[in-house]
Amino acid sequence: WLLMDSGDSLVVLNTHLASNHLSSEERSHYHH
């Protein structure tokens, strides 16, 4: 929650959803 200069609040949602969990070798295979 951020307090803006206007006095209003702003809710910032910092989001990191699940990755595909591919190893570097699997990413290389996916590339091919």
Full PDB file with SEQRES, HELIX, SHEET, SSBOND, CRYST1, ORIGX, SCALE, CONECT and MASTER records, all heavy atoms in Angstrom:
SEQRES   1 A   32  TRP LEU LEU MET ASP SER GLY ASP SER LEU VAL VAL LEU          
SEQRES   2 A   32  ASN THR HIS LEU ALA SER ASN HIS LEU SER SER GLU GLU          
SEQRES   3 A   32  ARG SER HIS TYR HIS HIS                                      
HELIX    1 AA1 SER A   24  HIS A   31  1                                   8    
SHEET    1 AA1 2 LEU A   2  LEU A   3  0                                        
SHEET    2 AA1 2 SER A   9  LEU A  10 -1                                        
CRYST1    1.000    1.000    1.000  90.00  90.00  90.00 P 1           1          
ORIGX1      1.000000  0.000000  0.000000        0.00000                         
ORIGX2      0.000000  1.000000  0.000000        0.00000                         
ORIGX3      0.000000  0.000000  1.000000        0.00000                         
SCALE1      1.000000  0.000000  0.000000        0.00000                         
SCALE2      0.000000  1.000000  0.000000        0.00000                         
SCALE3      0.000000  0.000000  1.000000        0.00000                         
ATOM      1  N   TRP A   1       0.858  -1.188   0.000  1.00  0.00           N  
ATOM      2  CA  TRP A   1       0.000   0.000   0.000  1.00  0.00           C  
ATOM      3  C   TRP A   1       0.895   1.239   0.000  1.00  0.00           C  
ATOM      4  O   TRP A   1       1.729   1.420   0.903  1.00  0.00           O  
ATOM      5  CB  TRP A   1      -0.885   0.022   1.233  1.00  0.00           C  
ATOM      6  CG  TRP A   1      -2.117  -0.839   1.139  1.00  0.00           C  
ATOM      7  CD1 TRP A   1      -3.391  -0.430   0.906  1.00  0.00           C  
ATOM      8  CD2 TRP A   1      -2.185  -2.270   1.317  1.00  0.00           C  
ATOM      9  NE1 TRP A   1      -4.259  -1.508   0.911  1.00  0.00           N  
ATOM     10  CE2 TRP A   1      -3.542  -2.645   1.161  1.00  0.00           C  
ATOM     11  CE3 TRP A   1      -1.238  -3.263   1.569  1.00  0.00           C  
ATOM     12  CZ2 TRP A   1      -3.972  -3.963   1.264  1.00  0.00           C  
ATOM     13  CZ3 TRP A   1      -1.663  -4.580   1.667  1.00  0.00           C  
ATOM     14  CH2 TRP A   1      -3.017  -4.917   1.514  1.00  0.00           C  
ATOM     15  N   LEU A   2       0.707   2.110  -0.988  1.00  0.00           N  
ATOM     16  CA  LEU A   2       1.493   3.333  -1.098  1.00  0.00           C  
ATOM     17  C   LEU A   2       0.615   4.541  -0.796  1.00  0.00           C  
ATOM     18  O   LEU A   2      -0.540   4.611  -1.245  1.00  0.00           O  
ATOM     19  CB  LEU A   2       2.084   3.484  -2.504  1.00  0.00           C  
ATOM     20  CG  LEU A   2       2.819   2.281  -3.103  1.00  0.00           C  
ATOM     21  CD1 LEU A   2       3.433   2.663  -4.442  1.00  0.00           C  
ATOM     22  CD2 LEU A   2       3.881   1.744  -2.149  1.00  0.00           C  
ATOM     23  N   LEU A   3       1.160   5.500  -0.061  1.00  0.00           N  
ATOM     24  CA  LEU A   3       0.445   6.741   0.232  1.00  0.00           C  
ATOM     25  C   LEU A   3       0.859   7.774  -0.811  1.00  0.00           C  
ATOM     26  O   LEU A   3       1.990   8.256  -0.830  1.00  0.00           O  
ATOM     27  CB  LEU A   3       0.791   7.231   1.637  1.00  0.00           C  
ATOM     28  CG  LEU A   3       0.052   8.499   2.096  1.00  0.00           C  
ATOM     29  CD1 LEU A   3      -1.457   8.266   2.149  1.00  0.00           C  
ATOM     30  CD2 LEU A   3       0.577   8.939   3.465  1.00  0.00           C  
ATOM     31  N   MET A   4      -0.071   8.104  -1.713  1.00  0.00           N  
ATOM     32  CA  MET A   4       0.235   9.016  -2.801  1.00  0.00           C  
ATOM     33  C   MET A   4       0.240  10.465  -2.323  1.00  0.00           C  
ATOM     34  O   MET A   4      -0.252  10.783  -1.232  1.00  0.00           O  
ATOM     35  CB  MET A   4      -0.779   8.838  -3.935  1.00  0.00           C  
ATOM     36  CG  MET A   4      -0.952   7.388  -4.389  1.00  0.00           C  
ATOM     37  SD  MET A   4       0.594   6.661  -4.986  1.00  0.00           S  
ATOM     38  CE  MET A   4       0.763   7.501  -6.567  1.00  0.00           C  
ATOM     39  N   ASP A   5       0.782  11.364  -3.149  1.00  0.00           N  
ATOM     40  CA  ASP A   5       0.852  12.780  -2.777  1.00  0.00           C  
ATOM     41  C   ASP A   5      -0.533  13.384  -2.573  1.00  0.00           C  
ATOM     42  O   ASP A   5      -0.703  14.330  -1.802  1.00  0.00           O  
ATOM     43  CB  ASP A   5       1.590  13.560  -3.876  1.00  0.00           C  
ATOM     44  CG  ASP A   5       3.058  13.186  -3.945  1.00  0.00           C  
ATOM     45  OD1 ASP A   5       3.579  12.667  -2.941  1.00  0.00           O  
ATOM     46  OD2 ASP A   5       3.667  13.407  -5.009  1.00  0.00           O  
ATOM     47  N   SER A   6      -1.538  12.815  -3.278  1.00  0.00           N  
ATOM     48  CA  SER A   6      -2.912  13.314  -3.157  1.00  0.00           C  
ATOM     49  C   SER A   6      -3.566  12.910  -1.844  1.00  0.00           C  
ATOM     50  O   SER A   6      -4.643  13.390  -1.500  1.00  0.00           O  
ATOM     51  CB  SER A   6      -3.748  12.776  -4.320  1.00  0.00           C  
ATOM     52  OG  SER A   6      -3.803  11.356  -4.269  1.00  0.00           O  
ATOM     53  N   GLY A   7      -2.920  11.989  -1.115  1.00  0.00           N  
ATOM     54  CA  GLY A   7      -3.513  11.452   0.113  1.00  0.00           C  
ATOM     55  C   GLY A   7      -4.250  10.159  -0.107  1.00  0.00           C  
ATOM     56  O   GLY A   7      -4.623   9.480   0.860  1.00  0.00           O  
ATOM     57  N   ASP A   8      -4.486   9.791  -1.374  1.00  0.00           N  
ATOM     58  CA  ASP A   8      -5.119   8.512  -1.683  1.00  0.00           C  
ATOM     59  C   ASP A   8      -4.103   7.381  -1.536  1.00  0.00           C  
ATOM     60  O   ASP A   8      -2.885   7.598  -1.566  1.00  0.00           O  
ATOM     61  CB  ASP A   8      -5.660   8.508  -3.117  1.00  0.00           C  
ATOM     62  CG  ASP A   8      -6.809   9.483  -3.304  1.00  0.00           C  
ATOM     63  OD1 ASP A   8      -7.465   9.811  -2.304  1.00  0.00           O  
ATOM     64  OD2 ASP A   8      -7.043   9.909  -4.445  1.00  0.00           O  
ATOM     65  N   SER A   9      -4.632   6.171  -1.408  1.00  0.00           N  
ATOM     66  CA  SER A   9      -3.751   5.010  -1.350  1.00  0.00           C  
ATOM     67  C   SER A   9      -3.786   4.270  -2.679  1.00  0.00           C  
ATOM     68  O   SER A   9      -4.798   4.243  -3.377  1.00  0.00           O  
ATOM     69  CB  SER A   9      -4.158   4.066  -0.212  1.00  0.00           C  
ATOM     70  OG  SER A   9      -5.436   3.515  -0.448  1.00  0.00           O  
ATOM     71  N   LEU A  10      -2.664   3.705  -3.022  1.00  0.00           N  
ATOM     72  CA  LEU A  10      -2.518   2.888  -4.225  1.00  0.00           C  
ATOM     73  C   LEU A  10      -2.009   1.525  -3.798  1.00  0.00           C  
ATOM     74  O   LEU A  10      -1.021   1.428  -3.066  1.00  0.00           O  
ATOM     75  CB  LEU A  10      -1.525   3.549  -5.190  1.00  0.00           C  
ATOM     76  CG  LEU A  10      -1.032   2.699  -6.361  1.00  0.00           C  
ATOM     77  CD1 LEU A  10      -2.172   2.370  -7.314  1.00  0.00           C  
ATOM     78  CD2 LEU A  10       0.097   3.434  -7.110  1.00  0.00           C  
ATOM     79  N   VAL A  11      -2.697   0.476  -4.246  1.00  0.00           N  
ATOM     80  CA  VAL A  11      -2.274  -0.883  -3.928  1.00  0.00           C  
ATOM     81  C   VAL A  11      -1.478  -1.426  -5.113  1.00  0.00           C  
ATOM     82  O   VAL A  11      -1.989  -1.512  -6.233  1.00  0.00           O  
ATOM     83  CB  VAL A  11      -3.471  -1.803  -3.634  1.00  0.00           C  
ATOM     84  CG1 VAL A  11      -2.982  -3.196  -3.235  1.00  0.00           C  
ATOM     85  CG2 VAL A  11      -4.347  -1.208  -2.542  1.00  0.00           C  
ATOM     86  N   VAL A  12      -0.215  -1.754  -4.861  1.00  0.00           N  
ATOM     87  CA  VAL A  12       0.656  -2.326  -5.888  1.00  0.00           C  
ATOM     88  C   VAL A  12       0.825  -3.809  -5.604  1.00  0.00           C  
ATOM     89  O   VAL A  12       1.254  -4.193  -4.508  1.00  0.00           O  
ATOM     90  CB  VAL A  12       2.033  -1.624  -5.895  1.00  0.00           C  
ATOM     91  CG1 VAL A  12       2.959  -2.288  -6.909  1.00  0.00           C  
ATOM     92  CG2 VAL A  12       1.872  -0.142  -6.218  1.00  0.00           C  
ATOM     93  N   LEU A  13       0.474  -4.625  -6.590  1.00  0.00           N  
ATOM     94  CA  LEU A  13       0.597  -6.069  -6.442  1.00  0.00           C  
ATOM     95  C   LEU A  13       1.789  -6.547  -7.267  1.00  0.00           C  
ATOM     96  O   LEU A  13       1.737  -6.589  -8.499  1.00  0.00           O  
ATOM     97  CB  LEU A  13      -0.685  -6.768  -6.909  1.00  0.00           C  
ATOM     98  CG  LEU A  13      -1.946  -6.450  -6.091  1.00  0.00           C  
ATOM     99  CD1 LEU A  13      -3.169  -7.088  -6.729  1.00  0.00           C  
ATOM    100  CD2 LEU A  13      -1.794  -6.929  -4.663  1.00  0.00           C  
ATOM    101  N   ASN A  14       2.870  -6.866  -6.564  1.00  0.00           N  
ATOM    102  CA  ASN A  14       4.072  -7.389  -7.210  1.00  0.00           C  
ATOM    103  C   ASN A  14       3.900  -8.896  -7.351  1.00  0.00           C  
ATOM    104  O   ASN A  14       3.817  -9.622  -6.346  1.00  0.00           O  
ATOM    105  CB  ASN A  14       5.301  -7.047  -6.366  1.00  0.00           C  
ATOM    106  CG  ASN A  14       6.597  -7.400  -7.061  1.00  0.00           C  
ATOM    107  OD1 ASN A  14       6.618  -7.924  -8.162  1.00  0.00           O  
ATOM    108  ND2 ASN A  14       7.710  -7.108  -6.392  1.00  0.00           N  
ATOM    109  N   THR A  15       3.857  -9.366  -8.595  1.00  0.00           N  
ATOM    110  CA  THR A  15       3.389 -10.726  -8.867  1.00  0.00           C  
ATOM    111  C   THR A  15       4.440 -11.550  -9.597  1.00  0.00           C  
ATOM    112  O   THR A  15       5.056 -11.078 -10.563  1.00  0.00           O  
ATOM    113  CB  THR A  15       2.104 -10.678  -9.734  1.00  0.00           C  
ATOM    114  OG1 THR A  15       1.160  -9.804  -9.108  1.00  0.00           O  
ATOM    115  CG2 THR A  15       1.498 -12.051  -9.905  1.00  0.00           C  
ATOM    116  N   HIS A  16       4.640 -12.778  -9.143  1.00  0.00           N  
ATOM    117  CA  HIS A  16       5.522 -13.721  -9.832  1.00  0.00           C  
ATOM    118  C   HIS A  16       4.819 -15.076  -9.859  1.00  0.00           C  
ATOM    119  O   HIS A  16       4.869 -15.835  -8.887  1.00  0.00           O  
ATOM    120  CB  HIS A  16       6.873 -13.827  -9.114  1.00  0.00           C  
ATOM    121  CG  HIS A  16       7.888 -14.639  -9.860  1.00  0.00           C  
ATOM    122  ND1 HIS A  16       9.067 -15.071  -9.280  1.00  0.00           N  
ATOM    123  CD2 HIS A  16       7.911 -15.113 -11.132  1.00  0.00           C  
ATOM    124  CE1 HIS A  16       9.757 -15.769 -10.163  1.00  0.00           C  
ATOM    125  NE2 HIS A  16       9.079 -15.804 -11.294  1.00  0.00           N  
ATOM    126  N   LEU A  17       4.144 -15.350 -10.971  1.00  0.00           N  
ATOM    127  CA  LEU A  17       3.418 -16.613 -11.109  1.00  0.00           C  
ATOM    128  C   LEU A  17       4.382 -17.743 -11.450  1.00  0.00           C  
ATOM    129  O   LEU A  17       5.523 -17.515 -11.842  1.00  0.00           O  
ATOM    130  CB  LEU A  17       2.331 -16.497 -12.181  1.00  0.00           C  
ATOM    131  CG  LEU A  17       1.281 -15.392 -11.986  1.00  0.00           C  
ATOM    132  CD1 LEU A  17       0.194 -15.502 -13.058  1.00  0.00           C  
ATOM    133  CD2 LEU A  17       0.667 -15.438 -10.592  1.00  0.00           C  
ATOM    134  N   ALA A  18       3.902 -18.957 -11.332  1.00  0.00           N  
ATOM    135  CA  ALA A  18       4.745 -20.147 -11.469  1.00  0.00           C  
ATOM    136  C   ALA A  18       5.404 -20.223 -12.844  1.00  0.00           C  
ATOM    137  O   ALA A  18       4.783 -19.937 -13.873  1.00  0.00           O  
ATOM    138  CB  ALA A  18       3.907 -21.404 -11.230  1.00  0.00           C  
ATOM    139  N   SER A  19       6.662 -20.609 -12.852  1.00  0.00           N  
ATOM    140  CA  SER A  19       7.381 -20.804 -14.111  1.00  0.00           C  
ATOM    141  C   SER A  19       7.049 -22.187 -14.662  1.00  0.00           C  
ATOM    142  O   SER A  19       6.346 -22.982 -14.038  1.00  0.00           O  
ATOM    143  CB  SER A  19       8.883 -20.674 -13.890  1.00  0.00           C  
ATOM    144  OG  SER A  19       9.379 -21.812 -13.206  1.00  0.00           O  
ATOM    145  N   ASN A  20       7.597 -22.472 -15.843  1.00  0.00           N  
ATOM    146  CA  ASN A  20       7.359 -23.782 -16.464  1.00  0.00           C  
ATOM    147  C   ASN A  20       8.278 -24.870 -15.908  1.00  0.00           C  
ATOM    148  O   ASN A  20       8.165 -26.031 -16.299  1.00  0.00           O  
ATOM    149  CB  ASN A  20       7.542 -23.679 -17.985  1.00  0.00           C  
ATOM    150  CG  ASN A  20       6.455 -22.864 -18.629  1.00  0.00           C  
ATOM    151  OD1 ASN A  20       5.279 -22.995 -18.298  1.00  0.00           O  
ATOM    152  ND2 ASN A  20       6.830 -22.002 -19.559  1.00  0.00           N  
ATOM    153  N   HIS A  21       9.208 -24.482 -15.031  1.00  0.00           N  
ATOM    154  CA  HIS A  21      10.098 -25.442 -14.350  1.00  0.00           C  
ATOM    155  C   HIS A  21      10.906 -26.280 -15.334  1.00  0.00           C  
ATOM    156  O   HIS A  21      11.151 -27.468 -15.096  1.00  0.00           O  
ATOM    157  CB  HIS A  21       9.284 -26.365 -13.427  1.00  0.00           C  
ATOM    158  CG  HIS A  21       8.395 -25.641 -12.469  1.00  0.00           C  
ATOM    159  ND1 HIS A  21       8.868 -24.788 -11.502  1.00  0.00           N  
ATOM    160  CD2 HIS A  21       7.031 -25.620 -12.344  1.00  0.00           C  
ATOM    161  CE1 HIS A  21       7.850 -24.282 -10.812  1.00  0.00           C  
ATOM    162  NE2 HIS A  21       6.737 -24.756 -11.314  1.00  0.00           N  
ATOM    163  N   LEU A  22      11.339 -25.678 -16.436  1.00  0.00           N  
ATOM    164  CA  LEU A  22      12.167 -26.390 -17.402  1.00  0.00           C  
ATOM    165  C   LEU A  22      13.641 -26.189 -17.055  1.00  0.00           C  
ATOM    166  O   LEU A  22      14.078 -25.060 -16.796  1.00  0.00           O  
ATOM    167  CB  LEU A  22      11.904 -25.880 -18.824  1.00  0.00           C  
ATOM    168  CG  LEU A  22      10.485 -26.045 -19.379  1.00  0.00           C  
ATOM    169  CD1 LEU A  22      10.425 -25.524 -20.806  1.00  0.00           C  
ATOM    170  CD2 LEU A  22      10.023 -27.489 -19.313  1.00  0.00           C  
ATOM    171  N   SER A  23      14.400 -27.274 -17.056  1.00  0.00           N  
ATOM    172  CA  SER A  23      15.837 -27.167 -16.855  1.00  0.00           C  
ATOM    173  C   SER A  23      16.473 -26.554 -18.098  1.00  0.00           C  
ATOM    174  O   SER A  23      15.834 -26.430 -19.149  1.00  0.00           O  
ATOM    175  CB  SER A  23      16.436 -28.556 -16.590  1.00  0.00           C  
ATOM    176  OG  SER A  23      16.291 -29.367 -17.752  1.00  0.00           O  
ATOM    177  N   SER A  24      17.753 -26.174 -18.000  1.00  0.00           N  
ATOM    178  CA  SER A  24      18.443 -25.596 -19.157  1.00  0.00           C  
ATOM    179  C   SER A  24      18.497 -26.603 -20.310  1.00  0.00           C  
ATOM    180  O   SER A  24      18.370 -26.232 -21.486  1.00  0.00           O  
ATOM    181  CB  SER A  24      19.855 -25.156 -18.775  1.00  0.00           C  
ATOM    182  OG  SER A  24      20.588 -26.243 -18.233  1.00  0.00           O  
ATOM    183  N   GLU A  25      18.650 -27.881 -19.976  1.00  0.00           N  
ATOM    184  CA  GLU A  25      18.664 -28.921 -21.005  1.00  0.00           C  
ATOM    185  C   GLU A  25      17.290 -29.047 -21.668  1.00  0.00           C  
ATOM    186  O   GLU A  25      17.188 -29.199 -22.891  1.00  0.00           O  
ATOM    187  CB  GLU A  25      19.068 -30.262 -20.384  1.00  0.00           C  
ATOM    188  CG  GLU A  25      19.208 -31.386 -21.403  1.00  0.00           C  
ATOM    189  CD  GLU A  25      19.618 -32.702 -20.759  1.00  0.00           C  
ATOM    190  OE1 GLU A  25      19.896 -32.710 -19.545  1.00  0.00           O  
ATOM    191  OE2 GLU A  25      19.648 -33.718 -21.475  1.00  0.00           O  
ATOM    192  N   GLU A  26      16.233 -28.965 -20.862  1.00  0.00           N  
ATOM    193  CA  GLU A  26      14.880 -29.050 -21.414  1.00  0.00           C  
ATOM    194  C   GLU A  26      14.547 -27.820 -22.257  1.00  0.00           C  
ATOM    195  O   GLU A  26      13.869 -27.924 -23.283  1.00  0.00           O  
ATOM    196  CB  GLU A  26      13.863 -29.219 -20.284  1.00  0.00           C  
ATOM    197  CG  GLU A  26      13.896 -30.594 -19.656  1.00  0.00           C  
ATOM    198  CD  GLU A  26      13.039 -30.687 -18.403  1.00  0.00           C  
ATOM    199  OE1 GLU A  26      12.895 -29.657 -17.703  1.00  0.00           O  
ATOM    200  OE2 GLU A  26      12.520 -31.778 -18.120  1.00  0.00           O  
ATOM    201  N   ARG A  27      15.044 -26.653 -21.844  1.00  0.00           N  
ATOM    202  CA  ARG A  27      14.831 -25.456 -22.656  1.00  0.00           C  
ATOM    203  C   ARG A  27      15.520 -25.593 -24.003  1.00  0.00           C  
ATOM    204  O   ARG A  27      14.997 -25.168 -25.038  1.00  0.00           O  
ATOM    205  CB  ARG A  27      15.364 -24.221 -21.924  1.00  0.00           C  
ATOM    206  CG  ARG A  27      14.485 -23.757 -20.773  1.00  0.00           C  
ATOM    207  CD  ARG A  27      15.062 -22.508 -20.143  1.00  0.00           C  
ATOM    208  NE  ARG A  27      14.262 -22.075 -19.003  1.00  0.00           N  
ATOM    209  CZ  ARG A  27      14.587 -21.066 -18.202  1.00  0.00           C  
ATOM    210  NH1 ARG A  27      15.702 -20.389 -18.433  1.00  0.00           N  
ATOM    211  NH2 ARG A  27      13.809 -20.737 -17.191  1.00  0.00           N  
ATOM    212  N   SER A  28      16.715 -26.170 -23.990  1.00  0.00           N  
ATOM    213  CA  SER A  28      17.431 -26.386 -25.244  1.00  0.00           C  
ATOM    214  C   SER A  28      16.654 -27.341 -26.147  1.00  0.00           C  
ATOM    215  O   SER A  28      16.543 -27.121 -27.358  1.00  0.00           O  
ATOM    216  CB  SER A  28      18.825 -26.941 -24.946  1.00  0.00           C  
ATOM    217  OG  SER A  28      19.521 -27.220 -26.147  1.00  0.00           O  
ATOM    218  N   HIS A  29      16.105 -28.400 -25.555  1.00  0.00           N  
ATOM    219  CA  HIS A  29      15.304 -29.343 -26.341  1.00  0.00           C  
ATOM    220  C   HIS A  29      14.042 -28.671 -26.869  1.00  0.00           C  
ATOM    221  O   HIS A  29      13.638 -28.898 -28.018  1.00  0.00           O  
ATOM    222  CB  HIS A  29      14.924 -30.554 -25.480  1.00  0.00           C  
ATOM    223  CG  HIS A  29      14.193 -31.624 -26.238  1.00  0.00           C  
ATOM    224  ND1 HIS A  29      14.824 -32.520 -27.062  1.00  0.00           N  
ATOM    225  CD2 HIS A  29      12.857 -31.914 -26.313  1.00  0.00           C  
ATOM    226  CE1 HIS A  29      13.935 -33.331 -27.605  1.00  0.00           C  
ATOM    227  NE2 HIS A  29      12.734 -32.976 -27.164  1.00  0.00           N  
ATOM    228  N   TYR A  30      13.429 -27.830 -26.033  1.00  0.00           N  
ATOM    229  CA  TYR A  30      12.237 -27.091 -26.475  1.00  0.00           C  
ATOM    230  C   TYR A  30      12.591 -26.179 -27.649  1.00  0.00           C  
ATOM    231  O   TYR A  30      11.805 -26.027 -28.593  1.00  0.00           O  
ATOM    232  CB  TYR A  30      11.683 -26.275 -25.310  1.00  0.00           C  
ATOM    233  CG  TYR A  30      10.470 -25.443 -25.661  1.00  0.00           C  
ATOM    234  CD1 TYR A  30       9.217 -26.020 -25.744  1.00  0.00           C  
ATOM    235  CD2 TYR A  30      10.591 -24.072 -25.909  1.00  0.00           C  
ATOM    236  CE1 TYR A  30       8.097 -25.261 -26.065  1.00  0.00           C  
ATOM    237  CE2 TYR A  30       9.491 -23.305 -26.236  1.00  0.00           C  
ATOM    238  CZ  TYR A  30       8.243 -23.910 -26.302  1.00  0.00           C  
ATOM    239  OH  TYR A  30       7.152 -23.151 -26.637  1.00  0.00           O  
ATOM    240  N   HIS A  31      13.784 -25.577 -27.600  1.00  0.00           N  
ATOM    241  CA  HIS A  31      14.247 -24.728 -28.692  1.00  0.00           C  
ATOM    242  C   HIS A  31      14.296 -25.523 -30.002  1.00  0.00           C  
ATOM    243  O   HIS A  31      13.815 -25.060 -31.046  1.00  0.00           O  
ATOM    244  CB  HIS A  31      15.624 -24.172 -28.350  1.00  0.00           C  
ATOM    245  CG  HIS A  31      16.288 -23.402 -29.440  1.00  0.00           C  
ATOM    246  ND1 HIS A  31      15.923 -22.123 -29.770  1.00  0.00           N  
ATOM    247  CD2 HIS A  31      17.285 -23.743 -30.312  1.00  0.00           C  
ATOM    248  CE1 HIS A  31      16.658 -21.695 -30.781  1.00  0.00           C  
ATOM    249  NE2 HIS A  31      17.497 -22.659 -31.124  1.00  0.00           N  
ATOM    250  N   HIS A  32      14.857 -26.727 -29.937  1.00  0.00           N  
ATOM    251  CA  HIS A  32      14.925 -27.568 -31.146  1.00  0.00           C  
ATOM    252  C   HIS A  32      13.540 -28.045 -31.567  1.00  0.00           C  
ATOM    253  O   HIS A  32      13.251 -28.173 -32.758  1.00  0.00           O  
ATOM    254  CB  HIS A  32      15.844 -28.762 -30.894  1.00  0.00           C  
ATOM    255  CG  HIS A  32      17.293 -28.388 -30.725  1.00  0.00           C  
ATOM    256  ND1 HIS A  32      18.020 -27.752 -31.704  1.00  0.00           N  
ATOM    257  CD2 HIS A  32      18.135 -28.540 -29.665  1.00  0.00           C  
ATOM    258  CE1 HIS A  32      19.256 -27.538 -31.280  1.00  0.00           C  
ATOM    259  NE2 HIS A  32      19.348 -27.999 -30.038  1.00  0.00           N  
TER     260      HIS A  32                                                      
MASTER        0    0    0    1    2    0    0    6  259    1    0    3          
END                                                                             
